Amino acid sequence: MTMQGRLSPAAFRSFQDGRPDEERWELIDGTPVMMTPPLIDHNRIASTLERLLNDALERHDPDREAVQRVGLELGLGPAALAGLGFAGAYRPEPDVAVIDYDPAAGRRFVDRAYLLAEVVSGTDDEPVLPGGLPWIDAKTRLYRAHEACRAVLVIEQRRIEVTLWRRGPDGWDERRLTDADAALDLPEFGLHCPVGALYAGTHLRPRRRS
């Protein structure tokens, strides 16, 4: 579902505040777009990653937490967006994010995220942006421009494949992991696990039944 007319980022946040919690909206080139409800495998992968990160963060850095579907203010002005090749306003909503731990009630939006992860959905691969750029590619480009972000994950749900970007002293390093036994190492967040752990219980790594 796509609304007619363009909104500023502030107007989009006000619009989101009035929508039911079960709806998921993203601002794409100034236009609010309601995302298609995700598949069960998508939800399972996101929940597994959130749990693995929180288990690791409790030991490694209890001042941070992993959450799903947080509203993120990227802190990118018109000049920064233009430098990335974008002309409109964008407010993606990551599937999983590592943010500062703050147990205050009523939080919905944050302006700092240290890890941003997407589980690829059908709508993510669609060329929704001018020039035919798929939304998933635009999101990862925006995430890597977020000043606080240190890692970006893109997780395929139709096959075992994880693309990992980590920010280092010389910029971003990219790795593509396609082996279930490959190591997913995120030392900044205390997480070390095999890639296949993200897919536990999905059709790609079904659990045993009695």
Protein backbone atom coordinates (compact mmCIF):
# COMPACT_ATOMS: atom_id res chain seq x y z
CA MET A 1 0.00 0.00 0.00
CA THR A 2 1.39 3.38 -1.05
CA MET A 3 -0.04 6.74 0.01
CA GLN A 4 -0.40 9.54 -2.48
CA GLY A 5 1.63 12.68 -1.92
CA ARG A 6 5.01 13.34 -0.38
CA LEU A 7 5.78 13.87 3.29
CA SER A 8 8.67 15.47 5.11
CA PRO A 9 10.47 13.26 7.64
CA ALA A 10 8.75 15.05 10.53
CA ALA A 11 5.31 14.66 8.93
CA PHE A 12 6.04 10.98 8.32
CA ARG A 13 6.88 10.42 11.99
CA SER A 14 3.61 12.10 12.98
CA PHE A 15 1.79 9.88 10.50
CA GLN A 16 3.45 6.78 11.99
CA ASP A 17 2.39 7.78 15.49
CA GLY A 18 -1.23 7.52 14.40
CA ARG A 19 -0.97 4.09 12.79
CA PRO A 20 -1.63 0.73 14.50
CA ASP A 21 1.43 -1.06 15.88
CA GLU A 22 0.96 -4.01 13.53
CA GLU A 23 1.44 -1.81 10.45
CA ARG A 24 4.95 -1.28 9.13
CA TRP A 25 5.60 1.85 7.09
CA GLU A 26 8.77 3.17 5.47
CA LEU A 27 9.38 6.51 3.77
CA ILE A 28 10.74 5.94 0.26
CA ASP A 29 11.66 9.01 -1.77
CA GLY A 30 9.24 11.08 0.33
CA THR A 31 6.32 8.66 -0.11
CA PRO A 32 4.95 6.53 2.79
CA VAL A 33 4.82 2.86 1.76
CA MET A 34 3.29 0.11 3.90
CA MET A 35 5.42 -3.00 3.76
CA THR A 36 3.94 -6.39 2.88
CA PRO A 37 3.50 -8.57 6.00
CA PRO A 38 6.64 -10.72 6.29
CA LEU A 39 6.78 -14.49 5.90
CA ILE A 40 7.17 -16.71 8.95
CA ASP A 41 10.77 -17.53 8.00
CA HIS A 42 11.50 -13.80 7.88
CA ASN A 43 10.14 -13.30 11.38
CA ARG A 44 11.99 -16.33 12.71
CA ILE A 45 15.35 -15.17 11.32
CA ALA A 46 14.86 -11.65 12.73
CA SER A 47 13.84 -13.02 16.14
CA THR A 48 16.79 -15.41 16.21
CA LEU A 49 19.26 -12.64 15.37
CA GLU A 50 17.72 -10.38 18.01
CA ARG A 51 18.03 -13.13 20.64
CA LEU A 52 21.61 -14.03 19.70
CA LEU A 53 22.65 -10.39 19.84
CA ASN A 54 20.95 -9.74 23.18
CA ASP A 55 22.50 -12.85 24.71
CA ALA A 56 25.91 -11.65 23.53
CA LEU A 57 25.36 -8.03 24.57
CA GLU A 58 24.31 -8.97 28.10
CA ARG A 59 27.80 -10.39 28.56
CA HIS A 60 29.79 -8.05 26.31
CA ASP A 61 28.11 -4.63 26.55
CA PRO A 62 24.97 -4.39 28.72
CA ASP A 63 24.61 -0.69 27.83
CA ARG A 64 23.30 -1.75 24.41
CA GLU A 65 20.40 -3.90 23.26
CA ALA A 66 19.06 -5.46 20.08
CA VAL A 67 15.49 -4.64 19.06
CA GLN A 68 13.25 -5.21 16.06
CA ARG A 69 11.54 -2.62 13.86
CA VAL A 70 12.77 0.52 15.58
CA GLY A 71 12.18 3.88 13.93
CA LEU A 72 15.61 5.24 13.04
CA GLU A 73 16.61 8.84 12.40
CA LEU A 74 19.69 8.47 10.21
CA GLY A 75 20.90 12.05 10.66
CA LEU A 76 21.45 12.53 6.93
CA GLY A 77 20.62 15.96 5.54
CA PRO A 78 19.87 16.87 1.91
CA ALA A 79 23.55 17.27 1.03
CA ALA A 80 24.48 13.87 2.48
CA LEU A 81 21.56 12.21 0.70
CA ALA A 82 22.49 13.89 -2.58
CA GLY A 83 26.01 12.55 -2.16
CA LEU A 84 24.53 9.06 -1.96
CA GLY A 85 22.48 9.66 -5.09
CA PHE A 86 19.14 10.26 -3.35
CA ALA A 87 16.96 13.33 -3.85
CA GLY A 88 13.94 12.66 -1.60
CA ALA A 89 13.37 11.86 2.07
CA TYR A 90 13.97 8.35 3.40
CA ARG A 91 13.10 6.64 6.67
CA PRO A 92 13.80 2.89 6.45
CA GLU A 93 12.88 0.65 9.37
CA PRO A 94 15.53 -2.02 10.04
CA ASP A 95 14.44 -5.54 10.91
CA VAL A 96 16.96 -5.64 13.77
CA ALA A 97 19.08 -2.87 15.26
CA VAL A 98 21.54 -2.57 18.12
CA ILE A 99 20.83 0.63 20.03
CA ASP A 100 21.60 2.19 23.41
CA TYR A 101 19.78 0.39 26.21
CA ASP A 102 17.15 2.69 27.71
CA PRO A 103 14.18 1.06 29.48
CA ALA A 104 12.04 4.23 29.34
CA ALA A 105 8.41 3.66 28.38
CA GLY A 106 6.97 4.92 25.12
CA ARG A 107 10.10 4.86 22.99
CA ARG A 108 9.58 4.39 19.25
CA PHE A 109 12.35 6.33 17.50
CA VAL A 110 16.12 6.52 18.02
CA ASP A 111 18.86 8.55 16.39
CA ARG A 112 21.79 6.19 16.99
CA ALA A 113 22.18 2.57 15.91
CA TYR A 114 25.39 0.57 15.97
CA LEU A 115 24.30 -2.47 13.96
CA LEU A 116 21.55 -2.55 11.35
CA ALA A 117 20.20 -5.75 9.84
CA GLU A 118 17.72 -6.56 7.10
CA VAL A 119 16.10 -9.89 6.26
CA VAL A 120 15.40 -9.63 2.54
CA SER A 121 11.70 -9.64 1.60
CA GLY A 122 10.12 -9.67 -1.84
CA THR A 123 9.43 -5.93 -1.73
CA ASP A 124 13.08 -5.23 -0.87
CA ASP A 125 14.22 -6.55 -4.25
CA GLU A 126 11.76 -4.44 -6.23
CA PRO A 127 13.23 -1.46 -8.12
CA VAL A 128 11.16 1.15 -6.29
CA LEU A 129 13.60 4.04 -6.57
CA PRO A 130 14.41 6.34 -9.49
CA GLY A 131 16.96 4.64 -11.71
CA GLY A 132 15.75 1.17 -10.77
CA LEU A 133 17.76 0.79 -7.54
CA PRO A 134 16.22 -1.96 -5.37
CA TRP A 135 15.06 -0.82 -1.94
CA ILE A 136 17.39 -3.25 -0.15
CA ASP A 137 20.41 -1.70 -1.89
CA ALA A 138 19.23 1.78 -1.00
CA LYS A 139 18.74 0.80 2.64
CA THR A 140 22.21 -0.66 3.01
CA ARG A 141 23.69 2.45 1.40
CA LEU A 142 21.78 4.65 3.86
CA TYR A 143 22.75 2.48 6.83
CA ARG A 144 26.45 2.64 5.99
CA ALA A 145 26.18 6.44 5.87
CA HIS A 146 24.78 6.56 9.43
CA GLU A 147 27.63 7.91 11.54
CA ALA A 148 27.15 5.62 14.55
CA CYS A 149 26.75 2.41 12.54
CA ARG A 150 29.58 -0.12 12.79
CA ALA A 151 28.03 -3.15 11.07
CA VAL A 152 25.33 -3.89 8.50
CA LEU A 153 23.85 -7.32 7.84
CA VAL A 154 21.70 -8.42 4.90
CA ILE A 155 20.24 -11.89 5.40
CA GLU A 156 18.56 -13.81 2.60
CA GLN A 157 15.59 -15.91 3.66
CA ARG A 158 15.31 -18.04 0.49
CA ARG A 159 18.86 -19.37 0.73
CA ILE A 160 21.70 -19.40 3.23
CA GLU A 161 23.51 -16.18 2.44
CA VAL A 162 24.58 -13.32 4.67
CA THR A 163 26.30 -10.18 3.47
CA LEU A 164 28.22 -8.45 6.24
CA TRP A 165 29.70 -4.96 6.15
CA ARG A 166 31.95 -3.88 9.02
CA ARG A 167 33.35 -0.39 9.43
CA GLY A 168 37.10 -0.30 10.00
CA PRO A 169 39.75 2.42 10.15
CA ASP A 170 40.00 2.40 6.34
CA GLY A 171 36.27 2.31 5.63
CA TRP A 172 33.82 -0.51 5.06
CA ASP A 173 34.82 -4.13 4.55
CA GLU A 174 32.31 -6.43 2.83
CA ARG A 175 32.04 -10.22 3.17
CA ARG A 176 29.50 -12.62 1.71
CA LEU A 177 28.92 -15.82 3.70
CA THR A 178 27.14 -18.70 1.97
CA ASP A 179 28.24 -21.70 4.04
CA ALA A 180 26.09 -22.62 7.05
CA ASP A 181 29.27 -23.47 8.95
CA ALA A 182 31.00 -20.17 8.13
CA ALA A 183 31.77 -17.99 11.14
CA LEU A 184 29.71 -14.86 11.68
CA ASP A 185 32.03 -12.77 13.84
CA LEU A 186 30.90 -9.46 15.29
CA PRO A 187 33.42 -8.81 18.07
CA GLU A 188 32.12 -5.27 18.63
CA PHE A 189 28.91 -6.86 19.90
CA GLY A 190 30.35 -10.02 21.44
CA LEU A 191 28.68 -12.26 18.86
CA HIS A 192 30.42 -15.29 17.40
CA CYS A 193 28.23 -17.96 15.80
CA PRO A 194 27.89 -20.04 12.62
CA VAL A 195 25.83 -18.49 9.85
CA GLY A 196 23.47 -21.45 10.01
CA ALA A 197 22.42 -20.45 13.54
CA LEU A 198 20.44 -17.55 12.05
CA TYR A 199 18.32 -20.01 10.06
CA ALA A 200 17.44 -22.38 12.90
CA GLY A 201 13.84 -23.57 12.58
CA THR A 202 13.34 -22.23 9.05
CA HIS A 203 12.74 -24.35 5.96
CA LEU A 204 16.49 -24.16 5.34
CA ARG A 205 17.41 -25.57 8.77
CA PRO A 206 14.28 -27.32 10.07
CA ARG A 207 14.29 -28.59 13.61
CA ARG A 208 13.80 -32.24 14.36
CA ARG A 209 10.31 -33.40 15.17
CA SER A 210 9.41 -36.37 17.32
